[in-house]
Amino acid sequence: MIEPRLERTGQLRNAIVASFVNGMIVSVFIAVLAWGIGRVLGGTLGLGRLMVITVVSGMLLAVWVVIVSSVSVYASYRLGYDPDDTTIPVVTNVCDITGVLILFPSSGSCCKSAASGAVEPIPAFRTARWSRGPPRSGR
């Protein structure tokens, strides 16, 4: 087994840049897709706001993926495990869970706080049919 060493090489730099480029492309795609679906359903959330949410979340997650990946490889090796067998499941699980947690503060810019401290979402996903609220039972 090859002992891992952290060297500033072109491969390491390219892998980190690829993580950020991938995060940016996926973030923009998700924003456009969510905006399109929202428009079809009668939503009012703008594309710019969705771009901010997805790009900020994507870039924060890309930083976290690089950190978790690096730590996972070194920890696996030091503990005597094969990094090829442990890194992908660890990174996937940790980053899936923390990715959702990163999304909440990123989307906080699209919510306004009520005086009570509760968060009131902007009515982006109300459909035209429900513009006055959901139907009441007994109608």
N, C-alpha and C. Protein backbone atom coordinates (compact mmCIF):
# COMPACT_ATOMS: atom_id res chain seq x y z
N MET A 1 0.85 -1.17 0.00
CA MET A 1 0.00 0.00 0.00
C MET A 1 0.90 1.24 0.00
N ILE A 2 0.47 2.27 -0.71
CA ILE A 2 1.23 3.51 -0.80
C ILE A 2 0.83 4.41 0.36
N GLU A 3 1.80 4.94 1.05
CA GLU A 3 1.52 5.84 2.16
C GLU A 3 1.09 7.20 1.62
N PRO A 4 -0.04 7.74 2.10
CA PRO A 4 -0.49 9.03 1.59
C PRO A 4 0.38 10.18 2.08
N ARG A 5 0.66 11.09 1.18
CA ARG A 5 1.40 12.31 1.52
C ARG A 5 0.66 13.48 0.88
N LEU A 6 0.59 14.55 1.60
CA LEU A 6 -0.05 15.74 1.07
C LEU A 6 1.01 16.60 0.40
N GLU A 7 1.01 16.56 -0.91
CA GLU A 7 1.95 17.35 -1.69
C GLU A 7 1.16 18.26 -2.61
N ARG A 8 1.65 19.45 -2.78
CA ARG A 8 0.98 20.38 -3.69
C ARG A 8 1.39 20.04 -5.12
N THR A 9 0.60 19.19 -5.72
CA THR A 9 0.88 18.77 -7.09
C THR A 9 -0.25 19.23 -8.00
N GLY A 10 -0.05 19.09 -9.27
CA GLY A 10 -1.08 19.44 -10.23
C GLY A 10 -2.31 18.57 -10.09
N GLN A 11 -2.13 17.30 -9.70
CA GLN A 11 -3.27 16.41 -9.53
C GLN A 11 -4.17 16.87 -8.40
N LEU A 12 -3.58 17.24 -7.27
CA LEU A 12 -4.37 17.70 -6.13
C LEU A 12 -5.12 18.98 -6.48
N ARG A 13 -4.42 19.92 -7.09
CA ARG A 13 -5.05 21.18 -7.47
C ARG A 13 -6.19 20.93 -8.47
N ASN A 14 -5.96 20.07 -9.46
CA ASN A 14 -7.00 19.77 -10.44
C ASN A 14 -8.22 19.10 -9.81
N ALA A 15 -7.99 18.22 -8.84
CA ALA A 15 -9.11 17.56 -8.16
C ALA A 15 -9.94 18.57 -7.36
N ILE A 16 -9.28 19.50 -6.70
CA ILE A 16 -10.00 20.52 -5.92
C ILE A 16 -10.77 21.45 -6.85
N VAL A 17 -10.13 21.89 -7.92
CA VAL A 17 -10.81 22.76 -8.90
C VAL A 17 -12.00 22.02 -9.51
N ALA A 18 -11.83 20.74 -9.84
CA ALA A 18 -12.93 19.95 -10.41
C ALA A 18 -14.10 19.85 -9.45
N SER A 19 -13.82 19.75 -8.15
CA SER A 19 -14.90 19.71 -7.16
C SER A 19 -15.72 21.00 -7.18
N PHE A 20 -15.03 22.12 -7.27
CA PHE A 20 -15.73 23.40 -7.30
C PHE A 20 -16.47 23.63 -8.62
N VAL A 21 -15.87 23.25 -9.72
CA VAL A 21 -16.54 23.40 -11.03
C VAL A 21 -17.78 22.51 -11.07
N ASN A 22 -17.65 21.28 -10.60
CA ASN A 22 -18.79 20.37 -10.55
C ASN A 22 -19.89 20.94 -9.66
N GLY A 23 -19.53 21.46 -8.50
CA GLY A 23 -20.51 22.07 -7.61
C GLY A 23 -21.22 23.24 -8.25
N MET A 24 -20.49 24.06 -8.99
CA MET A 24 -21.08 25.23 -9.65
C MET A 24 -22.05 24.80 -10.76
N ILE A 25 -21.63 23.85 -11.57
CA ILE A 25 -22.50 23.40 -12.67
C ILE A 25 -23.78 22.77 -12.14
N VAL A 26 -23.65 21.90 -11.17
CA VAL A 26 -24.83 21.24 -10.60
C VAL A 26 -25.73 22.26 -9.91
N SER A 27 -25.15 23.24 -9.22
CA SER A 27 -25.93 24.26 -8.53
C SER A 27 -26.76 25.08 -9.50
N VAL A 28 -26.15 25.50 -10.59
CA VAL A 28 -26.87 26.29 -11.59
C VAL A 28 -27.97 25.45 -12.23
N PHE A 29 -27.67 24.20 -12.55
CA PHE A 29 -28.67 23.31 -13.14
C PHE A 29 -29.87 23.13 -12.20
N ILE A 30 -29.59 22.90 -10.92
CA ILE A 30 -30.68 22.71 -9.95
C ILE A 30 -31.51 23.98 -9.81
N ALA A 31 -30.86 25.14 -9.81
CA ALA A 31 -31.60 26.41 -9.69
C ALA A 31 -32.54 26.60 -10.88
N VAL A 32 -32.03 26.37 -12.08
CA VAL A 32 -32.87 26.54 -13.27
C VAL A 32 -34.01 25.53 -13.28
N LEU A 33 -33.72 24.30 -12.92
CA LEU A 33 -34.75 23.26 -12.87
C LEU A 33 -35.82 23.60 -11.83
N ALA A 34 -35.41 24.00 -10.64
CA ALA A 34 -36.37 24.35 -9.58
C ALA A 34 -37.19 25.57 -9.99
N TRP A 35 -36.57 26.54 -10.63
CA TRP A 35 -37.29 27.72 -11.09
C TRP A 35 -38.33 27.35 -12.14
N GLY A 36 -37.93 26.49 -13.09
CA GLY A 36 -38.87 26.06 -14.13
C GLY A 36 -40.06 25.31 -13.56
N ILE A 37 -39.79 24.39 -12.65
CA ILE A 37 -40.89 23.64 -12.02
C ILE A 37 -41.77 24.59 -11.22
N GLY A 38 -41.14 25.53 -10.51
CA GLY A 38 -41.92 26.51 -9.75
C GLY A 38 -42.80 27.36 -10.64
N ARG A 39 -42.29 27.77 -11.79
CA ARG A 39 -43.09 28.58 -12.72
C ARG A 39 -44.29 27.80 -13.24
N VAL A 40 -44.07 26.51 -13.56
CA VAL A 40 -45.16 25.68 -14.05
C VAL A 40 -46.24 25.54 -12.98
N LEU A 41 -45.82 25.45 -11.73
CA LEU A 41 -46.77 25.30 -10.63
C LEU A 41 -47.32 26.63 -10.11
N GLY A 42 -46.92 27.73 -10.74
CA GLY A 42 -47.43 29.03 -10.33
C GLY A 42 -46.62 29.70 -9.26
N GLY A 43 -45.39 29.29 -9.06
CA GLY A 43 -44.54 29.87 -8.03
C GLY A 43 -44.05 31.26 -8.41
N THR A 44 -43.60 31.99 -7.41
CA THR A 44 -43.14 33.37 -7.64
C THR A 44 -41.69 33.59 -7.26
N LEU A 45 -41.00 32.57 -6.80
CA LEU A 45 -39.60 32.72 -6.40
C LEU A 45 -38.74 32.95 -7.63
N GLY A 46 -37.96 34.00 -7.62
CA GLY A 46 -37.18 34.38 -8.79
C GLY A 46 -35.96 33.49 -9.01
N LEU A 47 -35.51 33.47 -10.26
CA LEU A 47 -34.34 32.67 -10.62
C LEU A 47 -33.09 33.16 -9.91
N GLY A 48 -32.94 34.47 -9.76
CA GLY A 48 -31.76 35.01 -9.08
C GLY A 48 -31.65 34.53 -7.65
N ARG A 49 -32.77 34.53 -6.96
CA ARG A 49 -32.78 34.09 -5.57
C ARG A 49 -32.45 32.60 -5.47
N LEU A 50 -33.00 31.81 -6.38
CA LEU A 50 -32.67 30.38 -6.39
C LEU A 50 -31.20 30.15 -6.71
N MET A 51 -30.66 30.97 -7.61
CA MET A 51 -29.23 30.85 -7.93
C MET A 51 -28.37 31.11 -6.70
N VAL A 52 -28.73 32.14 -5.94
CA VAL A 52 -27.96 32.45 -4.72
C VAL A 52 -28.01 31.27 -3.76
N ILE A 53 -29.19 30.73 -3.53
CA ILE A 53 -29.34 29.61 -2.59
C ILE A 53 -28.50 28.41 -3.04
N THR A 54 -28.64 28.03 -4.30
CA THR A 54 -27.98 26.81 -4.75
C THR A 54 -26.47 26.99 -4.91
N VAL A 55 -26.03 28.15 -5.39
CA VAL A 55 -24.59 28.34 -5.58
C VAL A 55 -23.88 28.47 -4.23
N VAL A 56 -24.45 29.23 -3.30
CA VAL A 56 -23.83 29.34 -1.97
C VAL A 56 -23.78 27.96 -1.31
N SER A 57 -24.88 27.24 -1.35
CA SER A 57 -24.89 25.89 -0.76
C SER A 57 -23.89 24.98 -1.45
N GLY A 58 -23.86 25.03 -2.77
CA GLY A 58 -22.94 24.17 -3.53
C GLY A 58 -21.48 24.45 -3.24
N MET A 59 -21.13 25.72 -3.15
CA MET A 59 -19.72 26.07 -2.89
C MET A 59 -19.31 25.72 -1.45
N LEU A 60 -20.20 25.95 -0.50
CA LEU A 60 -19.90 25.55 0.88
C LEU A 60 -19.75 24.04 0.98
N LEU A 61 -20.61 23.32 0.28
CA LEU A 61 -20.53 21.86 0.30
C LEU A 61 -19.26 21.38 -0.40
N ALA A 62 -18.83 22.06 -1.45
CA ALA A 62 -17.60 21.67 -2.15
C ALA A 62 -16.39 21.79 -1.22
N VAL A 63 -16.35 22.87 -0.44
CA VAL A 63 -15.27 23.03 0.54
C VAL A 63 -15.30 21.87 1.54
N TRP A 64 -16.49 21.56 2.02
CA TRP A 64 -16.65 20.50 3.01
C TRP A 64 -16.26 19.14 2.43
N VAL A 65 -16.61 18.87 1.17
CA VAL A 65 -16.26 17.60 0.52
C VAL A 65 -14.75 17.43 0.43
N VAL A 66 -14.04 18.50 0.08
CA VAL A 66 -12.58 18.43 -0.01
C VAL A 66 -11.98 18.11 1.36
N ILE A 67 -12.47 18.77 2.39
CA ILE A 67 -11.95 18.54 3.75
C ILE A 67 -12.25 17.12 4.22
N VAL A 68 -13.50 16.69 4.08
CA VAL A 68 -13.90 15.35 4.55
C VAL A 68 -13.15 14.27 3.76
N SER A 69 -13.00 14.48 2.47
CA SER A 69 -12.28 13.49 1.65
C SER A 69 -10.83 13.34 2.10
N SER A 70 -10.17 14.47 2.32
CA SER A 70 -8.76 14.43 2.73
C SER A 70 -8.60 13.77 4.09
N VAL A 71 -9.42 14.17 5.04
CA VAL A 71 -9.34 13.60 6.38
C VAL A 71 -9.66 12.11 6.36
N SER A 72 -10.64 11.73 5.56
CA SER A 72 -11.05 10.33 5.48
C SER A 72 -9.93 9.44 4.94
N VAL A 73 -9.23 9.92 3.92
CA VAL A 73 -8.14 9.14 3.35
C VAL A 73 -7.03 8.95 4.38
N TYR A 74 -6.64 10.02 5.04
CA TYR A 74 -5.55 9.91 6.03
C TYR A 74 -5.97 9.08 7.24
N ALA A 75 -7.18 9.26 7.72
CA ALA A 75 -7.64 8.50 8.88
C ALA A 75 -7.74 7.01 8.54
N SER A 76 -8.27 6.70 7.37
CA SER A 76 -8.38 5.29 6.96
C SER A 76 -7.01 4.63 6.92
N TYR A 77 -6.05 5.32 6.34
CA TYR A 77 -4.71 4.76 6.24
C TYR A 77 -4.10 4.57 7.63
N ARG A 78 -4.21 5.59 8.47
CA ARG A 78 -3.61 5.52 9.82
C ARG A 78 -4.24 4.42 10.67
N LEU A 79 -5.54 4.15 10.45
CA LEU A 79 -6.22 3.11 11.21
C LEU A 79 -6.06 1.72 10.59
N GLY A 80 -5.35 1.64 9.48
CA GLY A 80 -5.07 0.35 8.87
C GLY A 80 -6.12 -0.13 7.88
N TYR A 81 -7.03 0.73 7.49
CA TYR A 81 -8.04 0.36 6.51
C TYR A 81 -7.61 0.81 5.12
N ASP A 82 -8.15 0.16 4.12
CA ASP A 82 -7.87 0.55 2.73
C ASP A 82 -8.71 1.77 2.40
N PRO A 83 -8.09 2.91 2.11
CA PRO A 83 -8.86 4.13 1.79
C PRO A 83 -9.81 3.96 0.61
N ASP A 84 -9.48 3.06 -0.32
CA ASP A 84 -10.38 2.82 -1.45
C ASP A 84 -11.71 2.23 -1.01
N ASP A 85 -11.71 1.50 0.09
CA ASP A 85 -12.93 0.87 0.59
C ASP A 85 -13.72 1.76 1.54
N THR A 86 -13.06 2.69 2.20
CA THR A 86 -13.74 3.46 3.25
C THR A 86 -14.07 4.90 2.87
N THR A 87 -13.30 5.50 2.01
CA THR A 87 -13.46 6.94 1.75
C THR A 87 -14.80 7.27 1.11
N ILE A 88 -15.20 6.55 0.07
CA ILE A 88 -16.44 6.89 -0.63
C ILE A 88 -17.66 6.77 0.28
N PRO A 89 -17.84 5.68 1.03
CA PRO A 89 -19.02 5.63 1.91
C PRO A 89 -19.00 6.70 3.00
N VAL A 90 -17.83 7.00 3.54
CA VAL A 90 -17.74 8.02 4.59
C VAL A 90 -18.08 9.39 4.02
N VAL A 91 -17.48 9.74 2.90
CA VAL A 91 -17.73 11.06 2.29
C VAL A 91 -19.19 11.18 1.88
N THR A 92 -19.74 10.15 1.29
CA THR A 92 -21.14 10.19 0.86
C THR A 92 -22.08 10.41 2.03
N ASN A 93 -21.92 9.63 3.09
CA ASN A 93 -22.82 9.77 4.24
C ASN A 93 -22.66 11.10 4.95
N VAL A 94 -21.43 11.47 5.24
CA VAL A 94 -21.19 12.72 5.97
C VAL A 94 -21.66 13.92 5.16
N CYS A 95 -21.35 13.94 3.88
CA CYS A 95 -21.70 15.11 3.06
C CYS A 95 -23.18 15.15 2.71
N ASP A 96 -23.85 14.02 2.63
CA ASP A 96 -25.30 14.05 2.42
C ASP A 96 -26.01 14.69 3.61
N ILE A 97 -25.61 14.28 4.80
CA ILE A 97 -26.25 14.81 6.00
C ILE A 97 -25.91 16.29 6.19
N THR A 98 -24.64 16.62 6.09
CA THR A 98 -24.26 18.02 6.32
C THR A 98 -24.67 18.91 5.16
N GLY A 99 -24.85 18.34 3.96
CA GLY A 99 -25.33 19.13 2.83
C GLY A 99 -26.71 19.68 3.08
N VAL A 100 -27.57 18.88 3.69
CA VAL A 100 -28.90 19.37 4.05
C VAL A 100 -28.79 20.46 5.11
N LEU A 101 -27.90 20.28 6.07
CA LEU A 101 -27.72 21.30 7.11
C LEU A 101 -27.13 22.59 6.53
N ILE A 102 -26.30 22.50 5.50
CA ILE A 102 -25.75 23.68 4.85
C ILE A 102 -26.84 24.41 4.07
N LEU A 103 -27.79 23.66 3.53
CA LEU A 103 -28.86 24.25 2.73
C LEU A 103 -29.75 25.17 3.56
N PHE A 104 -29.99 24.85 4.82
CA PHE A 104 -30.88 25.67 5.64
C PHE A 104 -30.40 27.10 5.81
N PRO A 105 -29.15 27.35 6.24
CA PRO A 105 -28.73 28.75 6.36
C PRO A 105 -28.64 29.45 5.00
N SER A 106 -28.30 28.70 3.95
CA SER A 106 -28.22 29.31 2.63
C SER A 106 -29.59 29.77 2.16
N SER A 107 -30.61 28.99 2.46
CA SER A 107 -31.96 29.38 2.04
C SER A 107 -32.59 30.38 2.99
N GLY A 108 -31.94 30.63 4.11
CA GLY A 108 -32.46 31.62 5.06
C GLY A 108 -32.57 33.01 4.47
N SER A 109 -31.79 33.29 3.43
CA SER A 109 -31.87 34.60 2.79
C SER A 109 -33.19 34.78 2.06
N CYS A 110 -33.91 33.69 1.83
CA CYS A 110 -35.19 33.78 1.13
C CYS A 110 -36.38 33.71 2.06
N CYS A 111 -36.13 33.79 3.33
CA CYS A 111 -37.20 33.77 4.30
C CYS A 111 -37.15 35.06 5.10
N LYS A 112 -38.27 35.48 5.57
CA LYS A 112 -38.28 36.66 6.42
C LYS A 112 -38.73 36.25 7.81
N SER A 113 -38.11 36.81 8.80
CA SER A 113 -38.44 36.45 10.18
C SER A 113 -39.65 37.24 10.64
N ALA A 114 -40.53 36.54 11.27
CA ALA A 114 -41.68 37.21 11.88
C ALA A 114 -41.24 37.79 13.22
N ALA A 115 -42.03 38.63 13.79
CA ALA A 115 -41.67 39.27 15.06
C ALA A 115 -41.48 38.24 16.16
N SER A 116 -42.17 37.11 16.05
CA SER A 116 -42.06 36.08 17.08
C SER A 116 -40.79 35.25 16.93
N GLY A 117 -40.05 35.47 15.86
CA GLY A 117 -38.85 34.68 15.64
C GLY A 117 -39.10 33.47 14.76
N ALA A 118 -40.36 33.22 14.44
CA ALA A 118 -40.67 32.10 13.56
C ALA A 118 -40.30 32.49 12.13
N VAL A 119 -40.02 31.52 11.33
CA VAL A 119 -39.65 31.77 9.95
C VAL A 119 -40.88 31.59 9.08
N GLU A 120 -41.18 32.60 8.29
CA GLU A 120 -42.30 32.54 7.37
C GLU A 120 -41.76 32.44 5.95
N PRO A 121 -41.96 31.31 5.28
CA PRO A 121 -41.41 31.19 3.94
C PRO A 121 -42.11 32.12 2.96
N ILE A 122 -41.38 32.58 2.00
CA ILE A 122 -41.97 33.39 0.94
C ILE A 122 -42.89 32.49 0.15
N PRO A 123 -44.06 32.96 -0.26
CA PRO A 123 -45.05 32.08 -0.90
C PRO A 123 -44.65 31.70 -2.32
N ALA A 124 -43.56 31.00 -2.46
CA ALA A 124 -43.05 30.66 -3.78
C ALA A 124 -43.76 29.46 -4.38
N PHE A 125 -44.26 28.59 -3.56
CA PHE A 125 -44.81 27.36 -4.09
C PHE A 125 -46.32 27.28 -3.98
N ARG A 126 -46.97 28.41 -3.78
CA ARG A 126 -48.42 28.41 -3.83
C ARG A 126 -48.83 28.28 -5.29
N THR A 127 -49.79 27.45 -5.54
CA THR A 127 -50.26 27.34 -6.91
C THR A 127 -51.35 28.36 -7.13
N ALA A 128 -51.62 28.67 -8.36
CA ALA A 128 -52.65 29.66 -8.68
C ALA A 128 -54.00 29.20 -8.14
N ARG A 129 -54.24 27.90 -8.16
CA ARG A 129 -55.50 27.35 -7.68
C ARG A 129 -55.67 27.59 -6.18
N TRP A 130 -54.57 27.67 -5.45
CA TRP A 130 -54.61 27.84 -4.01
C TRP A 130 -54.16 29.23 -3.60
N SER A 131 -54.34 30.21 -4.42
CA SER A 131 -53.81 31.53 -4.12
C SER A 131 -54.38 32.13 -2.84
N ARG A 132 -55.52 31.65 -2.41
CA ARG A 132 -56.11 32.12 -1.15
C ARG A 132 -55.94 31.11 -0.04
N GLY A 133 -55.02 30.19 -0.21
CA GLY A 133 -54.78 29.16 0.80
C GLY A 133 -55.33 27.82 0.32
N PRO A 134 -54.98 26.76 1.02
CA PRO A 134 -55.44 25.43 0.61
C PRO A 134 -56.94 25.29 0.80
N PRO A 135 -57.57 24.41 0.05
CA PRO A 135 -59.01 24.22 0.20
C PRO A 135 -59.35 23.69 1.60
N ARG A 136 -60.46 24.14 2.10
CA ARG A 136 -60.90 23.69 3.43
C ARG A 136 -61.79 22.47 3.29
N SER A 137 -61.71 21.62 4.29
CA SER A 137 -62.57 20.43 4.24
C SER A 137 -64.02 20.86 4.49
N GLY A 138 -64.94 20.18 3.85
CA GLY A 138 -66.35 20.49 4.02
C GLY A 138 -66.87 21.45 2.97
N ARG A 139 -66.04 21.87 2.02
CA ARG A 139 -66.53 22.76 0.94
C ARG A 139 -67.24 21.98 -0.11
